[in-house]
N, C-alpha and C. Protein backbone atom coordinates (compact mmCIF):
# COMPACT_ATOMS: atom_id res chain seq x y z
N UNK A 1 67.97 -28.27 79.66
CA UNK A 1 69.34 -27.97 79.36
C UNK A 1 70.24 -28.57 80.44
N UNK A 2 71.49 -28.72 80.08
CA UNK A 2 72.49 -29.27 81.00
C UNK A 2 73.65 -28.30 81.14
N UNK A 3 74.16 -28.20 82.35
CA UNK A 3 75.36 -27.40 82.61
C UNK A 3 76.40 -28.33 83.19
N UNK A 4 77.60 -28.29 82.64
CA UNK A 4 78.72 -29.04 83.18
C UNK A 4 79.79 -28.04 83.59
N UNK A 5 80.25 -28.18 84.81
CA UNK A 5 81.38 -27.41 85.31
C UNK A 5 82.51 -28.42 85.54
N UNK A 6 83.57 -28.28 84.79
CA UNK A 6 84.70 -29.19 84.87
C UNK A 6 85.86 -28.45 85.52
N UNK A 7 86.21 -28.85 86.72
CA UNK A 7 87.31 -28.23 87.45
C UNK A 7 88.60 -28.98 87.13
N UNK A 8 89.61 -28.23 86.77
CA UNK A 8 90.89 -28.80 86.36
C UNK A 8 91.97 -28.28 87.31
N UNK A 9 92.67 -29.19 87.95
CA UNK A 9 93.79 -28.80 88.80
C UNK A 9 95.07 -29.22 88.09
N UNK A 10 95.95 -28.24 87.86
CA UNK A 10 97.13 -28.48 87.03
C UNK A 10 98.36 -27.84 87.66
N UNK A 11 99.49 -28.52 87.51
CA UNK A 11 100.75 -27.97 88.02
C UNK A 11 101.23 -26.85 87.10
N UNK A 12 102.11 -26.03 87.62
CA UNK A 12 102.67 -24.93 86.83
C UNK A 12 103.39 -25.46 85.59
N UNK A 13 104.04 -26.61 85.72
CA UNK A 13 104.78 -27.20 84.60
C UNK A 13 103.87 -27.59 83.44
N UNK A 14 102.65 -28.01 83.73
CA UNK A 14 101.73 -28.49 82.68
C UNK A 14 100.67 -27.47 82.28
N UNK A 15 100.64 -26.34 82.95
CA UNK A 15 99.56 -25.37 82.75
C UNK A 15 99.45 -24.89 81.30
N UNK A 16 100.55 -24.54 80.67
CA UNK A 16 100.51 -24.03 79.29
C UNK A 16 99.96 -25.08 78.33
N UNK A 17 100.40 -26.33 78.48
CA UNK A 17 99.92 -27.40 77.60
C UNK A 17 98.43 -27.67 77.82
N UNK A 18 97.99 -27.63 79.07
CA UNK A 18 96.58 -27.84 79.37
C UNK A 18 95.74 -26.69 78.80
N UNK A 19 96.20 -25.48 78.96
CA UNK A 19 95.46 -24.34 78.40
C UNK A 19 95.36 -24.42 76.89
N UNK A 20 96.42 -24.83 76.23
CA UNK A 20 96.40 -24.96 74.77
C UNK A 20 95.37 -26.00 74.35
N UNK A 21 95.38 -27.16 75.00
CA UNK A 21 94.41 -28.22 74.67
C UNK A 21 92.99 -27.78 75.01
N UNK A 22 92.81 -27.11 76.13
CA UNK A 22 91.49 -26.65 76.55
C UNK A 22 90.93 -25.61 75.59
N UNK A 23 91.77 -24.70 75.14
CA UNK A 23 91.32 -23.69 74.18
C UNK A 23 90.91 -24.32 72.86
N UNK A 24 91.64 -25.34 72.43
CA UNK A 24 91.27 -26.06 71.21
C UNK A 24 89.94 -26.80 71.41
N UNK A 25 89.78 -27.42 72.59
CA UNK A 25 88.53 -28.11 72.92
C UNK A 25 87.35 -27.15 72.88
N UNK A 26 87.52 -25.97 73.45
CA UNK A 26 86.46 -24.96 73.46
C UNK A 26 86.10 -24.56 72.03
N UNK A 27 87.09 -24.24 71.23
CA UNK A 27 86.85 -23.78 69.86
C UNK A 27 86.10 -24.84 69.05
N UNK A 28 86.49 -26.09 69.18
CA UNK A 28 85.83 -27.17 68.44
C UNK A 28 84.43 -27.45 68.99
N UNK A 29 84.29 -27.45 70.29
CA UNK A 29 83.02 -27.81 70.93
C UNK A 29 81.93 -26.78 70.66
N UNK A 30 82.32 -25.52 70.52
CA UNK A 30 81.33 -24.47 70.23
C UNK A 30 80.61 -24.72 68.90
N UNK A 31 81.22 -25.53 68.04
CA UNK A 31 80.63 -25.85 66.74
C UNK A 31 79.71 -27.07 66.80
N UNK A 32 79.72 -27.79 67.92
CA UNK A 32 78.90 -29.00 68.05
C UNK A 32 77.42 -28.64 68.12
N UNK A 33 76.58 -29.46 67.49
CA UNK A 33 75.13 -29.25 67.55
C UNK A 33 74.66 -29.34 69.00
N UNK A 34 73.83 -28.40 69.38
CA UNK A 34 73.27 -28.40 70.72
C UNK A 34 74.11 -27.70 71.77
N UNK A 35 75.29 -27.18 71.36
CA UNK A 35 76.14 -26.46 72.30
C UNK A 35 75.61 -25.04 72.45
N UNK A 36 75.23 -24.68 73.67
CA UNK A 36 74.74 -23.33 73.96
C UNK A 36 75.91 -22.43 74.36
N UNK A 37 76.82 -22.96 75.18
CA UNK A 37 78.00 -22.20 75.63
C UNK A 37 79.10 -23.17 76.02
N UNK A 38 80.33 -22.74 75.86
CA UNK A 38 81.49 -23.57 76.21
C UNK A 38 82.66 -22.61 76.43
N UNK A 39 83.10 -22.47 77.67
CA UNK A 39 84.12 -21.49 78.02
C UNK A 39 85.16 -22.09 78.96
N UNK A 40 86.36 -21.52 78.92
CA UNK A 40 87.41 -21.88 79.87
C UNK A 40 87.69 -20.65 80.74
N UNK A 41 87.81 -20.88 82.03
CA UNK A 41 88.08 -19.80 82.98
C UNK A 41 89.32 -20.14 83.79
N UNK A 42 90.08 -19.10 84.13
CA UNK A 42 91.23 -19.24 85.01
C UNK A 42 90.85 -18.68 86.37
N UNK A 43 91.13 -19.41 87.43
CA UNK A 43 90.80 -18.95 88.77
C UNK A 43 91.54 -17.65 89.09
N UNK A 44 90.83 -16.75 89.73
CA UNK A 44 91.43 -15.48 90.15
C UNK A 44 92.17 -15.63 91.48
N UNK A 45 91.95 -16.76 92.16
CA UNK A 45 92.55 -16.94 93.48
C UNK A 45 93.57 -18.08 93.54
N UNK A 46 93.53 -18.99 92.55
CA UNK A 46 94.46 -20.13 92.56
C UNK A 46 95.00 -20.35 91.15
N UNK A 47 96.30 -20.25 90.99
CA UNK A 47 96.91 -20.42 89.68
C UNK A 47 96.82 -21.86 89.17
N UNK A 48 96.59 -22.80 90.07
CA UNK A 48 96.56 -24.21 89.67
C UNK A 48 95.15 -24.68 89.29
N UNK A 49 94.16 -23.79 89.27
CA UNK A 49 92.78 -24.20 88.99
C UNK A 49 92.23 -23.48 87.75
N UNK A 50 91.67 -24.29 86.86
CA UNK A 50 90.95 -23.82 85.68
C UNK A 50 89.55 -24.42 85.75
N UNK A 51 88.62 -23.86 84.99
CA UNK A 51 87.28 -24.43 84.93
C UNK A 51 86.75 -24.31 83.51
N UNK A 52 86.23 -25.41 82.99
CA UNK A 52 85.49 -25.39 81.74
C UNK A 52 84.02 -25.42 82.11
N UNK A 53 83.27 -24.48 81.55
CA UNK A 53 81.84 -24.34 81.81
C UNK A 53 81.11 -24.62 80.50
N UNK A 54 80.26 -25.63 80.49
CA UNK A 54 79.55 -26.04 79.27
C UNK A 54 78.05 -25.98 79.50
N UNK A 55 77.32 -25.55 78.48
CA UNK A 55 75.85 -25.61 78.51
C UNK A 55 75.39 -26.31 77.24
N UNK A 56 74.56 -27.34 77.43
CA UNK A 56 74.07 -28.16 76.32
C UNK A 56 72.55 -28.12 76.27
N UNK A 57 72.02 -28.18 75.06
CA UNK A 57 70.58 -28.17 74.84
C UNK A 57 69.89 -29.35 75.49
N UNK A 58 70.51 -30.54 75.37
CA UNK A 58 69.90 -31.76 75.91
C UNK A 58 70.94 -32.86 76.04
N UNK A 59 70.52 -33.96 76.62
CA UNK A 59 71.42 -35.10 76.86
C UNK A 59 71.95 -35.67 75.54
N UNK A 60 71.11 -35.70 74.51
CA UNK A 60 71.54 -36.23 73.20
C UNK A 60 72.69 -35.42 72.62
N UNK A 61 72.61 -34.11 72.76
CA UNK A 61 73.69 -33.24 72.26
C UNK A 61 74.99 -33.49 73.02
N UNK A 62 74.88 -33.64 74.32
CA UNK A 62 76.06 -33.91 75.14
C UNK A 62 76.67 -35.27 74.79
N UNK A 63 75.84 -36.27 74.60
CA UNK A 63 76.32 -37.60 74.24
C UNK A 63 77.06 -37.58 72.91
N UNK A 64 76.51 -36.86 71.93
CA UNK A 64 77.18 -36.74 70.63
C UNK A 64 78.52 -36.03 70.78
N UNK A 65 78.56 -34.99 71.59
CA UNK A 65 79.80 -34.25 71.85
C UNK A 65 80.86 -35.17 72.45
N UNK A 66 80.46 -36.01 73.38
CA UNK A 66 81.40 -36.91 74.05
C UNK A 66 81.97 -37.97 73.11
N UNK A 67 81.37 -38.14 71.94
CA UNK A 67 81.86 -39.10 70.94
C UNK A 67 82.62 -38.41 69.81
N UNK A 68 82.63 -37.08 69.81
CA UNK A 68 83.28 -36.31 68.74
C UNK A 68 84.80 -36.50 68.79
N UNK A 69 85.43 -36.43 67.62
CA UNK A 69 86.88 -36.64 67.51
C UNK A 69 87.67 -35.69 68.40
N UNK A 70 87.26 -34.42 68.46
CA UNK A 70 88.01 -33.47 69.29
C UNK A 70 87.90 -33.82 70.77
N UNK A 71 86.75 -34.32 71.21
CA UNK A 71 86.57 -34.69 72.61
C UNK A 71 87.43 -35.90 72.96
N UNK A 72 87.35 -36.96 72.15
CA UNK A 72 88.07 -38.19 72.47
C UNK A 72 89.58 -38.04 72.32
N UNK A 73 90.02 -36.99 71.65
CA UNK A 73 91.45 -36.71 71.52
C UNK A 73 91.94 -35.78 72.62
N UNK A 74 91.23 -34.67 72.83
CA UNK A 74 91.72 -33.62 73.71
C UNK A 74 91.47 -33.88 75.20
N UNK A 75 90.34 -34.46 75.54
CA UNK A 75 90.05 -34.70 76.96
C UNK A 75 91.07 -35.67 77.58
N UNK A 76 91.38 -36.80 76.94
CA UNK A 76 92.41 -37.67 77.51
C UNK A 76 93.78 -36.97 77.61
N UNK A 77 94.08 -36.08 76.67
CA UNK A 77 95.33 -35.33 76.74
C UNK A 77 95.36 -34.46 77.99
N UNK A 78 94.25 -33.75 78.25
CA UNK A 78 94.16 -32.92 79.45
C UNK A 78 94.25 -33.80 80.70
N UNK A 79 93.54 -34.92 80.69
CA UNK A 79 93.55 -35.83 81.85
C UNK A 79 94.93 -36.39 82.14
N UNK A 80 95.76 -36.52 81.12
CA UNK A 80 97.11 -37.03 81.33
C UNK A 80 98.03 -35.99 81.97
N UNK A 81 97.62 -34.73 81.91
CA UNK A 81 98.44 -33.63 82.43
C UNK A 81 97.89 -32.99 83.70
N UNK A 82 96.64 -33.29 84.04
CA UNK A 82 95.98 -32.62 85.16
C UNK A 82 94.89 -33.52 85.72
N UNK A 83 94.37 -33.15 86.88
CA UNK A 83 93.23 -33.87 87.43
C UNK A 83 91.96 -33.08 87.12
N UNK A 84 90.88 -33.82 86.83
CA UNK A 84 89.61 -33.19 86.45
C UNK A 84 88.50 -33.70 87.34
N UNK A 85 87.59 -32.79 87.70
CA UNK A 85 86.40 -33.15 88.47
C UNK A 85 85.19 -32.52 87.77
N UNK A 86 84.18 -33.34 87.54
CA UNK A 86 82.99 -32.91 86.80
C UNK A 86 81.80 -32.74 87.75
N UNK A 87 81.10 -31.62 87.60
CA UNK A 87 79.81 -31.39 88.27
C UNK A 87 78.79 -31.16 87.17
N UNK A 88 77.66 -31.89 87.21
CA UNK A 88 76.65 -31.82 86.15
C UNK A 88 75.33 -31.39 86.75
N UNK A 89 74.67 -30.44 86.07
CA UNK A 89 73.41 -29.88 86.54
C UNK A 89 72.39 -29.89 85.41
N UNK A 90 71.13 -30.14 85.76
CA UNK A 90 70.02 -30.03 84.80
C UNK A 90 69.19 -28.82 85.18
N UNK A 91 68.71 -28.11 84.15
CA UNK A 91 67.83 -26.97 84.43
C UNK A 91 66.91 -26.73 83.25
């Protein structure tokens, strides 16, 4: 399995738009084959930090997700409004 932790740093001005796009991404991604979990978290200590936590069955599932219409539409939208850093783990 794979775990992705995506850290998002966003300004107060863009936070609502990023949260809206992230929530849509979560809802769509949970329906993707091989998706074990997909959640958005808000930092309890920093208002400018969000985290998307993803768990995938395997690399093939993740690759298919990265080609899905919702991914190729919503991720660039988030990237245009905030900075993102990805940490990927295998287990």
